[in-house]
Amino acid sequence: MITSLLVAAVIVGQPADQFLRFESAQVVAKLPAEHAAKLPLGRLTQDQGEAVLSVAFVPPGAKTPGPAMIGKYERSGNELTFAPRFSLEPGQTYRASLTLGGKTVTLDHRVPELKNQTAPKVVKIYPTSDVLPANHLKFYIYFDRPMRGGKELFNLIELVDDKGNVIYDPWLREEIWDEENNCLIIYIHPGRIKWGIELRELLGPVLFEKRDYGLVIRGDLSDPKGNKIGKDVVKKFRTTPEDRVRIEVGDWKFSVPKAERDALTLTFPKAIDHRSLQRFLNVMDEKGNRVEGNISIGKEEKSWQFMPTRPWDMRSYHLDIDPRLEDVAGNTPARAFDFDPKSPKQLPQKLRLEFDPGANR
């Protein structure tokens, strides 16, 4: 439901509700055509968007808002939307400021209090495998709703050894959430993974090979309303030796569809980062157009299937492999995550795999 707030300010001779509105997860500014045309279509940078539309938290009892919030700006037609990096918190006031032609209108909005809710839940943790390399790089923790962020977050998600001892300061303390704010992407500090880095020399690696560990999400972790998970959630895993080699595409098993409704299937000898599998493998037709379809990721992220929306035609296709594709240790097809720049350079790999479903009919 859209919540519109009216203010007694006027821009270009029109009432403010012609320009601004708060929605549940974003703020929308409707721009006059001549102002909209000055902005690029699609995604904008923070600086581009903030020059026109900014949103800031107003502390209780204060008249002046804090700094502008960081988030995603996007222009579609004559509308500019801002989706904040973190959800607007219930019971708090926020101010949207729209600047056009040297004139500014501000709109204050108090987010309604939420009714009591059930406890939030952890619904998925990636990688799903319980065997990971000792130089494993990151975890994805999915919740059933947006969660409360902040510095204390890194004290509520811990790594413990097989005796329950908490591993000291393992995280890269940069809070990264996905666009829906319900998936936390948390990195083991690269400085404790890479060889020759001072942090690793001082503290040692976070994980050692052939040992048992647990990723623990503490029960005190809460959503913006203050509802806590309630009890610890633990992902147990065992480590293998470190994986410090690039992804070798030649080691993949490539199963070409044999009928117009068959899936294209890839099988990998090691786990690939699941977000990479969603983003960095693209099926293209012979004209270079992206083929629309549905992706499914197999057990332990060791396989990938693509089913086109429309049946395969009697023509050639190819799979484009983005060099940013990562395995769970951060290695890509271009190079290992941690490599010696003095070592001999490896030959580039072919990152375009051609196939012809029609040849099998």
Protein backbone atom coordinates (compact mmCIF):
# COMPACT_ATOMS: atom_id res chain seq x y z
CA MET A 1 0.00 0.00 0.00
CA ILE A 2 1.29 3.45 -0.93
CA THR A 3 1.46 6.02 1.86
CA SER A 4 1.39 9.58 0.55
CA LEU A 5 2.15 12.54 2.78
CA LEU A 6 1.22 16.10 1.80
CA VAL A 7 3.30 19.15 2.57
CA ALA A 8 2.54 22.81 1.99
CA ALA A 9 5.54 23.42 -0.25
CA VAL A 10 5.40 24.05 -3.97
CA ILE A 11 7.90 23.32 -6.76
CA VAL A 12 7.40 24.88 -10.13
CA GLY A 13 3.94 26.07 -9.09
CA GLN A 14 2.57 22.60 -8.23
CA PRO A 15 1.71 20.99 -4.88
CA ALA A 16 4.29 18.67 -3.34
CA ASP A 17 2.17 15.53 -3.60
CA GLN A 18 2.63 15.81 -7.34
CA PHE A 19 6.28 14.97 -6.81
CA LEU A 20 6.98 12.76 -3.75
CA ARG A 21 5.60 9.68 -2.10
CA PHE A 22 6.84 7.05 0.33
CA GLU A 23 6.16 3.42 -0.49
CA SER A 24 6.78 0.39 1.68
CA ALA A 25 10.35 -0.20 0.52
CA GLN A 26 11.26 2.90 -1.49
CA VAL A 27 10.72 6.59 -2.08
CA VAL A 28 9.39 7.72 -5.45
CA ALA A 29 9.85 11.14 -7.03
CA LYS A 30 7.75 12.08 -10.05
CA LEU A 31 9.80 14.48 -12.14
CA PRO A 32 8.68 17.01 -14.73
CA ALA A 33 9.69 15.79 -18.17
CA GLU A 34 12.32 18.46 -18.65
CA HIS A 35 14.05 17.47 -15.39
CA ALA A 36 13.71 13.71 -15.97
CA ALA A 37 15.39 14.03 -19.38
CA LYS A 38 18.56 15.30 -17.69
CA LEU A 39 19.02 11.96 -15.90
CA PRO A 40 20.05 8.67 -17.56
CA LEU A 41 17.52 5.87 -17.76
CA GLY A 42 18.00 2.85 -15.50
CA ARG A 43 20.46 2.67 -12.63
CA LEU A 44 22.06 5.88 -11.39
CA THR A 45 25.10 6.34 -9.22
CA GLN A 46 24.65 7.51 -5.64
CA ASP A 47 25.95 10.98 -6.55
CA GLN A 48 23.66 11.31 -9.57
CA GLY A 49 20.56 10.32 -7.64
CA GLU A 50 21.37 12.17 -4.45
CA ALA A 51 21.77 15.44 -6.34
CA VAL A 52 18.04 15.27 -7.07
CA LEU A 53 16.51 13.06 -4.37
CA SER A 54 17.90 12.30 -0.93
CA VAL A 55 16.46 10.49 2.09
CA ALA A 56 17.78 10.87 5.63
CA PHE A 57 16.91 9.69 9.14
CA VAL A 58 15.53 12.35 11.49
CA PRO A 59 16.56 11.55 15.09
CA PRO A 60 13.77 11.74 17.70
CA GLY A 61 13.30 15.33 18.87
CA ALA A 62 15.64 16.73 16.23
CA LYS A 63 14.74 19.19 13.50
CA THR A 64 17.76 18.49 11.32
CA PRO A 65 18.15 15.11 9.59
CA GLY A 66 21.32 13.08 9.53
CA PRO A 67 23.40 12.32 6.43
CA ALA A 68 21.75 11.07 3.25
CA MET A 69 21.13 7.34 3.19
CA ILE A 70 22.93 5.08 0.74
CA GLY A 71 20.86 2.98 -1.60
CA LYS A 72 19.85 2.21 -5.17
CA TYR A 73 18.60 4.91 -7.53
CA GLU A 74 16.78 4.11 -10.73
CA ARG A 75 15.00 6.23 -13.29
CA SER A 76 12.07 4.82 -15.25
CA GLY A 77 10.30 7.30 -17.47
CA ASN A 78 9.56 10.38 -15.40
CA GLU A 79 9.95 8.61 -12.05
CA LEU A 80 13.08 8.42 -9.94
CA THR A 81 13.01 5.75 -7.22
CA PHE A 82 15.29 5.35 -4.25
CA ALA A 83 15.49 2.00 -2.44
CA PRO A 84 17.53 2.43 0.77
CA ARG A 85 20.33 -0.02 1.48
CA PHE A 86 18.65 -0.87 4.77
CA SER A 87 14.93 -0.92 5.44
CA LEU A 88 13.27 2.06 7.05
CA GLU A 89 12.77 1.17 10.70
CA PRO A 90 9.28 1.10 12.23
CA GLY A 91 8.49 4.02 14.53
CA GLN A 92 11.24 6.24 13.06
CA THR A 93 10.95 9.41 10.97
CA TYR A 94 12.66 9.98 7.64
CA ARG A 95 12.89 13.05 5.42
CA ALA A 96 12.88 12.97 1.63
CA SER A 97 14.30 16.04 -0.10
CA LEU A 98 13.68 16.73 -3.78
CA THR A 99 15.66 19.43 -5.54
CA LEU A 100 14.54 20.71 -8.95
CA GLY A 101 15.61 23.90 -10.64
CA GLY A 102 17.25 25.21 -7.48
CA LYS A 103 14.09 24.70 -5.39
CA THR A 104 13.74 22.02 -2.72
CA VAL A 105 10.73 20.41 -1.12
CA THR A 106 10.99 18.12 1.91
CA LEU A 107 8.63 15.40 2.98
CA ASP A 108 8.73 13.86 6.47
CA HIS A 109 7.38 10.37 6.96
CA ARG A 110 7.06 8.36 10.15
CA VAL A 111 7.13 4.64 9.49
CA PRO A 112 4.20 2.96 11.25
CA GLU A 113 4.94 0.68 14.17
CA LEU A 114 4.72 -3.00 13.33
CA LYS A 115 2.49 -5.38 15.18
CA ASN A 116 4.21 -8.14 17.10
CA GLN A 117 5.52 -10.76 14.73
CA THR A 118 6.79 -14.28 14.97
CA ALA A 119 10.51 -14.83 15.38
CA PRO A 120 12.59 -14.41 12.22
CA LYS A 121 14.13 -17.51 10.72
CA VAL A 122 17.27 -18.50 8.87
CA VAL A 123 15.91 -20.20 5.76
CA LYS A 124 19.11 -21.08 3.85
CA ILE A 125 22.88 -20.91 4.18
CA TYR A 126 25.23 -21.13 1.20
CA PRO A 127 27.42 -22.95 0.39
CA THR A 128 25.15 -25.88 1.19
CA SER A 129 28.01 -28.38 1.32
CA ASP A 130 29.35 -29.55 4.68
CA VAL A 131 32.85 -29.88 3.18
CA LEU A 132 34.68 -26.65 2.31
CA PRO A 133 38.28 -25.73 1.44
CA ALA A 134 40.31 -24.24 4.29
CA ASN A 135 40.56 -20.98 2.32
CA HIS A 136 36.80 -20.69 1.97
CA LEU A 137 35.88 -17.05 1.33
CA LYS A 138 32.25 -16.18 2.14
CA PHE A 139 28.85 -17.29 3.38
CA TYR A 140 25.37 -16.26 2.26
CA ILE A 141 22.80 -16.30 5.08
CA TYR A 142 19.18 -16.00 3.95
CA PHE A 143 16.45 -14.88 6.36
CA ASP A 144 12.70 -14.91 5.95
CA ARG A 145 12.56 -11.10 6.25
CA PRO A 146 14.80 -8.01 6.35
CA MET A 147 17.01 -7.98 9.44
CA ARG A 148 18.60 -5.37 11.67
CA GLY A 149 22.13 -4.42 10.65
CA GLY A 150 24.87 -2.60 12.49
CA LYS A 151 28.32 -3.24 13.92
CA GLU A 152 27.00 -5.66 16.53
CA LEU A 153 26.06 -8.00 13.70
CA PHE A 154 29.64 -9.27 13.48
CA ASN A 155 29.51 -10.30 17.14
CA LEU A 156 26.31 -12.28 16.59
CA ILE A 157 27.67 -14.41 13.73
CA GLU A 158 30.65 -16.49 14.76
CA LEU A 159 32.92 -19.29 13.67
CA VAL A 160 33.67 -21.94 16.29
CA ASP A 161 36.04 -24.91 16.27
CA ASP A 162 35.19 -28.51 17.14
CA LYS A 163 35.55 -27.72 20.87
CA GLY A 164 33.17 -24.78 20.71
CA ASN A 165 35.90 -22.15 20.98
CA VAL A 166 35.08 -18.92 19.15
CA ILE A 167 37.61 -18.03 16.45
CA TYR A 168 39.00 -14.55 17.01
CA ASP A 169 37.93 -11.77 14.60
CA PRO A 170 37.45 -13.83 11.42
CA TRP A 171 35.28 -11.41 9.44
CA LEU A 172 35.84 -8.64 6.96
CA ARG A 173 33.69 -6.09 8.80
CA GLU A 174 31.85 -4.73 5.79
CA GLU A 175 28.12 -5.24 6.05
CA ILE A 176 26.76 -6.47 2.72
CA TRP A 177 23.07 -7.24 2.15
CA ASP A 178 21.36 -8.15 -1.08
CA GLU A 179 18.80 -5.85 -2.67
CA GLU A 180 15.93 -7.42 -0.73
CA ASN A 181 17.79 -6.90 2.57
CA ASN A 182 17.11 -10.48 3.62
CA CYS A 183 20.43 -12.07 2.62
CA LEU A 184 23.63 -11.24 4.46
CA ILE A 185 26.86 -11.82 2.52
CA ILE A 186 29.65 -12.20 5.05
CA TYR A 187 33.32 -12.58 4.08
CA ILE A 188 36.13 -14.25 5.95
CA HIS A 189 38.82 -11.56 5.98
CA PRO A 190 40.95 -11.96 2.82
CA GLY A 191 43.95 -10.74 4.82
CA ARG A 192 43.79 -13.99 6.78
CA ILE A 193 43.47 -16.08 3.62
CA LYS A 194 46.16 -14.73 1.32
CA TRP A 195 49.77 -15.79 1.78
CA GLY A 196 52.31 -13.14 2.69
CA ILE A 197 49.75 -10.69 4.12
CA GLU A 198 50.62 -9.18 7.50
CA LEU A 199 47.25 -10.02 9.05
CA ARG A 200 47.71 -13.72 8.27
CA GLU A 201 51.24 -13.59 9.63
CA LEU A 202 50.02 -12.02 12.90
CA LEU A 203 46.79 -13.94 13.53
CA GLY A 204 47.15 -17.00 11.34
CA PRO A 205 44.48 -18.35 8.99
CA VAL A 206 40.87 -18.46 10.15
CA LEU A 207 40.40 -22.09 9.07
CA PHE A 208 42.85 -24.99 9.06
CA GLU A 209 42.54 -28.02 6.82
CA LYS A 210 40.98 -31.30 7.95
CA ARG A 211 39.20 -29.80 10.95
CA ASP A 212 35.58 -29.43 12.01
CA TYR A 213 33.94 -26.02 12.40
CA GLY A 214 30.59 -24.40 12.91
CA LEU A 215 29.12 -21.19 11.54
CA VAL A 216 26.89 -19.94 14.38
CA ILE A 217 24.11 -17.37 13.98
CA ARG A 218 23.29 -16.33 17.53
CA GLY A 219 19.71 -16.24 18.75
CA ASP A 220 20.00 -12.56 19.69
CA LEU A 221 20.10 -11.52 16.04
CA SER A 222 16.90 -9.56 15.42
CA ASP A 223 14.76 -7.88 12.78
CA PRO A 224 14.12 -4.10 12.78
CA LYS A 225 11.18 -4.55 15.16
CA GLY A 226 13.42 -6.28 17.71
CA ASN A 227 12.05 -9.79 17.19
CA LYS A 228 14.93 -12.19 17.85
CA ILE A 229 15.70 -15.48 16.15
CA GLY A 230 15.52 -16.96 19.63
CA LYS A 231 18.01 -19.81 19.45
CA ASP A 232 21.35 -20.34 17.78
CA VAL A 233 21.45 -21.68 14.22
CA VAL A 234 24.55 -23.71 13.39
CA LYS A 235 25.98 -24.84 10.06
CA LYS A 236 28.62 -27.53 10.63
CA PHE A 237 31.33 -28.21 8.09
CA ARG A 238 34.72 -29.88 7.69
CA THR A 239 37.66 -28.40 5.81
CA THR A 240 39.79 -29.88 3.04
CA PRO A 241 43.20 -28.57 1.93
CA GLU A 242 43.19 -25.06 0.51
CA ASP A 243 42.07 -24.60 -3.10
CA ARG A 244 44.46 -22.13 -4.75
CA VAL A 245 44.01 -22.83 -8.46
CA ARG A 246 41.79 -21.16 -11.02
CA ILE A 247 38.53 -22.68 -12.25
CA GLU A 248 39.40 -24.98 -15.17
CA VAL A 249 36.53 -24.89 -17.64
CA GLY A 250 37.99 -27.90 -19.43
CA ASP A 251 37.22 -30.00 -16.34
CA TRP A 252 33.47 -29.32 -16.63
CA LYS A 253 31.07 -31.91 -18.00
CA PHE A 254 28.96 -30.23 -20.69
CA SER A 255 25.69 -32.02 -21.53
CA VAL A 256 24.09 -30.64 -24.68
CA PRO A 257 20.27 -30.84 -24.98
CA LYS A 258 19.21 -33.63 -27.35
CA ALA A 259 15.60 -32.51 -27.77
CA GLU A 260 13.83 -29.17 -27.99
CA ARG A 261 12.63 -29.41 -24.39
CA ASP A 262 15.84 -30.78 -22.82
CA ALA A 263 17.94 -28.76 -20.42
CA LEU A 264 21.50 -27.65 -20.98
CA THR A 265 23.50 -29.11 -18.08
CA LEU A 266 26.91 -28.36 -16.60
CA THR A 267 28.58 -30.49 -13.93
CA PHE A 268 31.57 -29.18 -11.97
CA PRO A 269 34.31 -31.07 -10.11
CA LYS A 270 34.09 -28.54 -7.24
CA ALA A 271 31.47 -26.23 -5.77
CA ILE A 272 30.84 -22.93 -7.54
CA ASP A 273 29.55 -19.84 -5.75
CA HIS A 274 25.76 -19.98 -6.11
CA ARG A 275 25.35 -16.27 -6.89
CA SER A 276 27.94 -16.64 -9.63
CA LEU A 277 25.93 -19.47 -11.13
CA GLN A 278 22.87 -17.22 -11.17
CA ARG A 279 24.64 -14.23 -12.72
CA PHE A 280 27.69 -15.22 -14.75
CA LEU A 281 26.58 -18.03 -17.07
CA ASN A 282 24.53 -16.82 -20.02
CA VAL A 283 23.12 -18.73 -22.98
CA MET A 284 23.26 -16.79 -26.25
CA ASP A 285 21.81 -17.46 -29.70
CA GLU A 286 23.76 -17.28 -32.96
CA LYS A 287 22.98 -13.56 -33.27
CA GLY A 288 24.40 -12.80 -29.85
CA ASN A 289 21.02 -12.31 -28.17
CA ARG A 290 20.57 -13.61 -24.64
CA VAL A 291 18.24 -16.61 -24.48
CA GLU A 292 15.58 -16.33 -21.80
CA GLY A 293 15.02 -19.31 -19.55
CA ASN A 294 15.07 -20.78 -16.06
CA ILE A 295 18.18 -21.73 -14.09
CA SER A 296 18.37 -24.47 -11.48
CA ILE A 297 21.38 -25.19 -9.29
CA GLY A 298 22.13 -28.72 -8.20
CA LYS A 299 23.30 -30.34 -4.96
CA GLU A 300 26.23 -28.63 -3.25
CA GLU A 301 26.36 -26.14 -6.14
CA LYS A 302 28.20 -28.66 -8.31
CA SER A 303 25.79 -28.59 -11.24
CA TRP A 304 23.80 -26.05 -13.25
CA GLN A 305 20.86 -26.49 -15.58
CA PHE A 306 19.28 -24.09 -18.04
CA MET A 307 15.82 -24.64 -19.51
CA PRO A 308 14.87 -22.12 -22.23
CA THR A 309 11.50 -20.42 -22.05
CA ARG A 310 10.92 -21.38 -25.67
CA PRO A 311 12.02 -24.71 -27.23
CA TRP A 312 15.49 -24.88 -28.73
CA ASP A 313 15.55 -23.98 -32.43
CA MET A 314 17.46 -25.78 -35.14
CA ARG A 315 20.43 -23.46 -34.87
CA SER A 316 23.66 -22.87 -33.01
CA TYR A 317 23.94 -21.47 -29.49
CA HIS A 318 26.77 -20.74 -27.15
CA LEU A 319 27.33 -20.40 -23.44
CA ASP A 320 29.17 -17.28 -22.31
CA ILE A 321 31.21 -17.70 -19.13
CA ASP A 322 31.87 -14.41 -17.40
CA PRO A 323 35.45 -14.30 -16.10
CA ARG A 324 34.04 -13.06 -12.76
CA LEU A 325 32.55 -16.50 -12.06
CA GLU A 326 33.89 -17.69 -8.69
CA ASP A 327 34.20 -20.93 -6.80
CA VAL A 328 33.74 -20.95 -3.02
CA ALA A 329 37.38 -19.96 -2.49
CA GLY A 330 37.11 -16.93 -4.78
CA ASN A 331 39.02 -18.47 -7.69
CA THR A 332 37.84 -17.49 -11.18
CA PRO A 333 38.47 -18.87 -14.69
CA ALA A 334 40.97 -16.03 -15.14
CA ARG A 335 43.12 -16.69 -12.09
CA ALA A 336 43.29 -18.01 -8.55
CA PHE A 337 42.05 -15.73 -5.77
CA ASP A 338 45.55 -15.73 -4.25
CA PHE A 339 48.34 -15.99 -6.82
CA ASP A 340 51.99 -15.21 -7.10
CA PRO A 341 52.47 -12.43 -9.69
CA LYS A 342 56.00 -13.75 -10.31
CA SER A 343 54.77 -17.22 -11.30
CA PRO A 344 54.48 -18.11 -15.02
CA LYS A 345 51.32 -16.76 -16.61
CA GLN A 346 48.67 -19.32 -17.55
CA LEU A 347 47.20 -19.26 -21.01
CA PRO A 348 43.72 -17.69 -21.18
CA GLN A 349 40.86 -20.16 -21.27
CA LYS A 350 38.12 -20.34 -23.84
CA LEU A 351 35.06 -18.86 -22.12
CA ARG A 352 32.60 -19.47 -24.93
CA LEU A 353 31.20 -22.99 -25.27
CA GLU A 354 29.29 -23.60 -28.49
CA PHE A 355 26.55 -26.18 -28.91
CA ASP A 356 23.87 -27.13 -31.44
CA PRO A 357 20.74 -28.91 -30.10
CA GLY A 358 19.54 -29.43 -33.66
CA ALA A 359 22.52 -31.65 -34.49
CA ASN A 360 21.20 -34.34 -32.15
CA ARG A 361 17.69 -34.61 -33.60
